[in-house]
Amino acid sequence: MTTSTTPWEQVRDDSLSAMTAGEREEYDAAAIEAEARLELAELV
């Protein structure tokens, strides 16, 4: 049995390229917020 995998970078890039400009702005804002929350969690 063989299995093929797709690199996560390709999946991410494919998903991002399918987004509209508005969706991409929303995604980028959410990513920035998530990163800030992770940094805060590390401090606590």
PDB file of N, CA and C in Angstrom:
ATOM      1  N   MET A   1       0.839  -1.176   0.000  1.00  0.00           N
ATOM      2  CA  MET A   1       0.000   0.000   0.000  1.00  0.00           C
ATOM      3  C   MET A   1       0.887   1.243   0.000  1.00  0.00           C
ATOM      4  N   THR A   2       0.593   2.153  -0.891  1.00  0.00           N
ATOM      5  CA  THR A   2       1.346   3.397  -0.931  1.00  0.00           C
ATOM      6  C   THR A   2       0.433   4.550  -0.559  1.00  0.00           C
ATOM      7  N   THR A   3       1.010   5.473   0.123  1.00  0.00           N
ATOM      8  CA  THR A   3       0.264   6.681   0.464  1.00  0.00           C
ATOM      9  C   THR A   3       1.046   7.880  -0.034  1.00  0.00           C
ATOM     10  N   SER A   4       0.317   8.868  -0.473  1.00  0.00           N
ATOM     11  CA  SER A   4       0.994  10.090  -0.889  1.00  0.00           C
ATOM     12  C   SER A   4       0.549  11.200   0.048  1.00  0.00           C
ATOM     13  N   THR A   5       1.453  12.065   0.319  1.00  0.00           N
ATOM     14  CA  THR A   5       1.137  13.188   1.191  1.00  0.00           C
ATOM     15  C   THR A   5       1.409  14.483   0.445  1.00  0.00           C
ATOM     16  N   THR A   6       0.737  15.503   0.875  1.00  0.00           N
ATOM     17  CA  THR A   6       0.930  16.826   0.300  1.00  0.00           C
ATOM     18  C   THR A   6       1.576  17.693   1.365  1.00  0.00           C
ATOM     19  N   PRO A   7       2.657  18.358   1.042  1.00  0.00           N
ATOM     20  CA  PRO A   7       3.297  19.230   2.034  1.00  0.00           C
ATOM     21  C   PRO A   7       2.309  20.292   2.523  1.00  0.00           C
ATOM     22  N   TRP A   8       2.361  20.602   3.813  1.00  0.00           N
ATOM     23  CA  TRP A   8       1.410  21.557   4.373  1.00  0.00           C
ATOM     24  C   TRP A   8       1.574  22.940   3.747  1.00  0.00           C
ATOM     25  N   GLU A   9       2.789  23.277   3.325  1.00  0.00           N
ATOM     26  CA  GLU A   9       3.009  24.571   2.693  1.00  0.00           C
ATOM     27  C   GLU A   9       2.189  24.695   1.407  1.00  0.00           C
ATOM     28  N   GLN A  10       2.105  23.609   0.656  1.00  0.00           N
ATOM     29  CA  GLN A  10       1.329  23.618  -0.591  1.00  0.00           C
ATOM     30  C   GLN A  10      -0.154  23.769  -0.297  1.00  0.00           C
ATOM     31  N   VAL A  11      -0.622  23.047   0.713  1.00  0.00           N
ATOM     32  CA  VAL A  11      -2.038  23.137   1.089  1.00  0.00           C
ATOM     33  C   VAL A  11      -2.363  24.553   1.530  1.00  0.00           C
ATOM     34  N   ARG A  12      -1.484  25.133   2.365  1.00  0.00           N
ATOM     35  CA  ARG A  12      -1.679  26.506   2.837  1.00  0.00           C
ATOM     36  C   ARG A  12      -1.697  27.480   1.666  1.00  0.00           C
ATOM     37  N   ASP A  13      -0.728  27.372   0.792  1.00  0.00           N
ATOM     38  CA  ASP A  13      -0.640  28.280  -0.351  1.00  0.00           C
ATOM     39  C   ASP A  13      -1.853  28.148  -1.266  1.00  0.00           C
ATOM     40  N   ASP A  14      -2.316  26.922  -1.481  1.00  0.00           N
ATOM     41  CA  ASP A  14      -3.503  26.704  -2.304  1.00  0.00           C
ATOM     42  C   ASP A  14      -4.726  27.356  -1.662  1.00  0.00           C
ATOM     43  N   SER A  15      -4.850  27.209  -0.354  1.00  0.00           N
ATOM     44  CA  SER A  15      -5.986  27.805   0.357  1.00  0.00           C
ATOM     45  C   SER A  15      -5.937  29.325   0.304  1.00  0.00           C
ATOM     46  N   LEU A  16      -4.757  29.886   0.524  1.00  0.00           N
ATOM     47  CA  LEU A  16      -4.619  31.342   0.514  1.00  0.00           C
ATOM     48  C   LEU A  16      -4.885  31.915  -0.875  1.00  0.00           C
ATOM     49  N   SER A  17      -4.450  31.237  -1.907  1.00  0.00           N
ATOM     50  CA  SER A  17      -4.635  31.758  -3.258  1.00  0.00           C
ATOM     51  C   SER A  17      -6.099  31.717  -3.693  1.00  0.00           C
ATOM     52  N   ALA A  18      -6.904  30.872  -3.045  1.00  0.00           N
ATOM     53  CA  ALA A  18      -8.321  30.775  -3.388  1.00  0.00           C
ATOM     54  C   ALA A  18      -9.167  31.843  -2.691  1.00  0.00           C
ATOM     55  N   MET A  19      -8.561  32.591  -1.757  1.00  0.00           N
ATOM     56  CA  MET A  19      -9.293  33.596  -0.997  1.00  0.00           C
ATOM     57  C   MET A  19      -9.456  34.888  -1.790  1.00  0.00           C
ATOM     58  N   THR A  20     -10.567  35.570  -1.515  1.00  0.00           N
ATOM     59  CA  THR A  20     -10.745  36.913  -2.072  1.00  0.00           C
ATOM     60  C   THR A  20      -9.876  37.869  -1.259  1.00  0.00           C
ATOM     61  N   ALA A  21      -9.750  39.091  -1.731  1.00  0.00           N
ATOM     62  CA  ALA A  21      -8.938  40.081  -1.014  1.00  0.00           C
ATOM     63  C   ALA A  21      -9.497  40.322   0.391  1.00  0.00           C
ATOM     64  N   GLY A  22     -10.804  40.392   0.508  1.00  0.00           N
ATOM     65  CA  GLY A  22     -11.427  40.597   1.812  1.00  0.00           C
ATOM     66  C   GLY A  22     -11.197  39.437   2.759  1.00  0.00           C
ATOM     67  N   GLU A  23     -11.323  38.232   2.229  1.00  0.00           N
ATOM     68  CA  GLU A  23     -11.077  37.043   3.046  1.00  0.00           C
ATOM     69  C   GLU A  23      -9.628  36.995   3.496  1.00  0.00           C
ATOM     70  N   ARG A  24      -8.732  37.400   2.616  1.00  0.00           N
ATOM     71  CA  ARG A  24      -7.307  37.381   2.958  1.00  0.00           C
ATOM     72  C   ARG A  24      -6.996  38.404   4.043  1.00  0.00           C
ATOM     73  N   GLU A  25      -7.622  39.577   3.972  1.00  0.00           N
ATOM     74  CA  GLU A  25      -7.428  40.588   5.019  1.00  0.00           C
ATOM     75  C   GLU A  25      -7.903  40.052   6.366  1.00  0.00           C
ATOM     76  N   GLU A  26      -9.063  39.394   6.361  1.00  0.00           N
ATOM     77  CA  GLU A  26      -9.611  38.811   7.582  1.00  0.00           C
ATOM     78  C   GLU A  26      -8.686  37.723   8.122  1.00  0.00           C
ATOM     79  N   TYR A  27      -8.174  36.894   7.228  1.00  0.00           N
ATOM     80  CA  TYR A  27      -7.268  35.813   7.615  1.00  0.00           C
ATOM     81  C   TYR A  27      -5.983  36.382   8.225  1.00  0.00           C
ATOM     82  N   ASP A  28      -5.417  37.379   7.570  1.00  0.00           N
ATOM     83  CA  ASP A  28      -4.178  37.975   8.067  1.00  0.00           C
ATOM     84  C   ASP A  28      -4.377  38.611   9.441  1.00  0.00           C
ATOM     85  N   ALA A  29      -5.514  39.312   9.627  1.00  0.00           N
ATOM     86  CA  ALA A  29      -5.801  39.924  10.924  1.00  0.00           C
ATOM     87  C   ALA A  29      -5.947  38.856  12.005  1.00  0.00           C
ATOM     88  N   ALA A  30      -6.629  37.766  11.686  1.00  0.00           N
ATOM     89  CA  ALA A  30      -6.804  36.677  12.648  1.00  0.00           C
ATOM     90  C   ALA A  30      -5.465  36.025  12.980  1.00  0.00           C
ATOM     91  N   ALA A  31      -4.596  35.890  11.986  1.00  0.00           N
ATOM     92  CA  ALA A  31      -3.280  35.282  12.216  1.00  0.00           C
ATOM     93  C   ALA A  31      -2.439  36.155  13.146  1.00  0.00           C
ATOM     94  N   ILE A  32      -2.516  37.465  12.961  1.00  0.00           N
ATOM     95  CA  ILE A  32      -1.773  38.386  13.830  1.00  0.00           C
ATOM     96  C   ILE A  32      -2.304  38.296  15.257  1.00  0.00           C
ATOM     97  N   GLU A  33      -3.626  38.255  15.397  1.00  0.00           N
ATOM     98  CA  GLU A  33      -4.233  38.140  16.728  1.00  0.00           C
ATOM     99  C   GLU A  33      -3.849  36.820  17.391  1.00  0.00           C
ATOM    100  N   ALA A  34      -3.868  35.744  16.637  1.00  0.00           N
ATOM    101  CA  ALA A  34      -3.505  34.434  17.194  1.00  0.00           C
ATOM    102  C   ALA A  34      -2.053  34.426  17.659  1.00  0.00           C
ATOM    103  N   GLU A  35      -1.180  35.031  16.887  1.00  0.00           N
ATOM    104  CA  GLU A  35       0.238  35.093  17.273  1.00  0.00           C
ATOM    105  C   GLU A  35       0.404  35.886  18.564  1.00  0.00           C
ATOM    106  N   ALA A  36      -0.322  36.998  18.687  1.00  0.00           N
ATOM    107  CA  ALA A  36      -0.254  37.804  19.907  1.00  0.00           C
ATOM    108  C   ALA A  36      -0.755  37.009  21.109  1.00  0.00           C
ATOM    109  N   ARG A  37      -1.826  36.240  20.917  1.00  0.00           N
ATOM    110  CA  ARG A  37      -2.351  35.422  22.012  1.00  0.00           C
ATOM    111  C   ARG A  37      -1.343  34.349  22.425  1.00  0.00           C
ATOM    112  N   LEU A  38      -0.664  33.751  21.462  1.00  0.00           N
ATOM    113  CA  LEU A  38       0.349  32.742  21.791  1.00  0.00           C
ATOM    114  C   LEU A  38       1.504  33.352  22.571  1.00  0.00           C
ATOM    115  N   GLU A  39       1.932  34.546  22.157  1.00  0.00           N
ATOM    116  CA  GLU A  39       3.024  35.202  22.873  1.00  0.00           C
ATOM    117  C   GLU A  39       2.609  35.541  24.297  1.00  0.00           C
ATOM    118  N   LEU A  40       1.363  36.007  24.486  1.00  0.00           N
ATOM    119  CA  LEU A  40       0.863  36.308  25.825  1.00  0.00           C
ATOM    120  C   LEU A  40       0.804  35.040  26.669  1.00  0.00           C
ATOM    121  N   ALA A  41       0.339  33.954  26.082  1.00  0.00           N
ATOM    122  CA  ALA A  41       0.266  32.676  26.802  1.00  0.00           C
ATOM    123  C   ALA A  41       1.642  32.216  27.271  1.00  0.00           C
ATOM    124  N   GLU A  42       2.663  32.467  26.458  1.00  0.00           N
ATOM    125  CA  GLU A  42       4.024  32.078  26.843  1.00  0.00           C
ATOM    126  C   GLU A  42       4.508  32.884  28.034  1.00  0.00           C
ATOM    127  N   LEU A  43       4.050  34.131  28.148  1.00  0.00           N
ATOM    128  CA  LEU A  43       4.460  34.969  29.272  1.00  0.00           C
ATOM    129  C   LEU A  43       3.804  34.533  30.575  1.00  0.00           C
ATOM    130  N   VAL A  44       2.612  33.975  30.457  1.00  0.00           N
ATOM    131  CA  VAL A  44       1.857  33.580  31.660  1.00  0.00           C
ATOM    132  C   VAL A  44       2.348  32.255  32.103  1.00  0.00           C
TER     133      VAL A  44
END
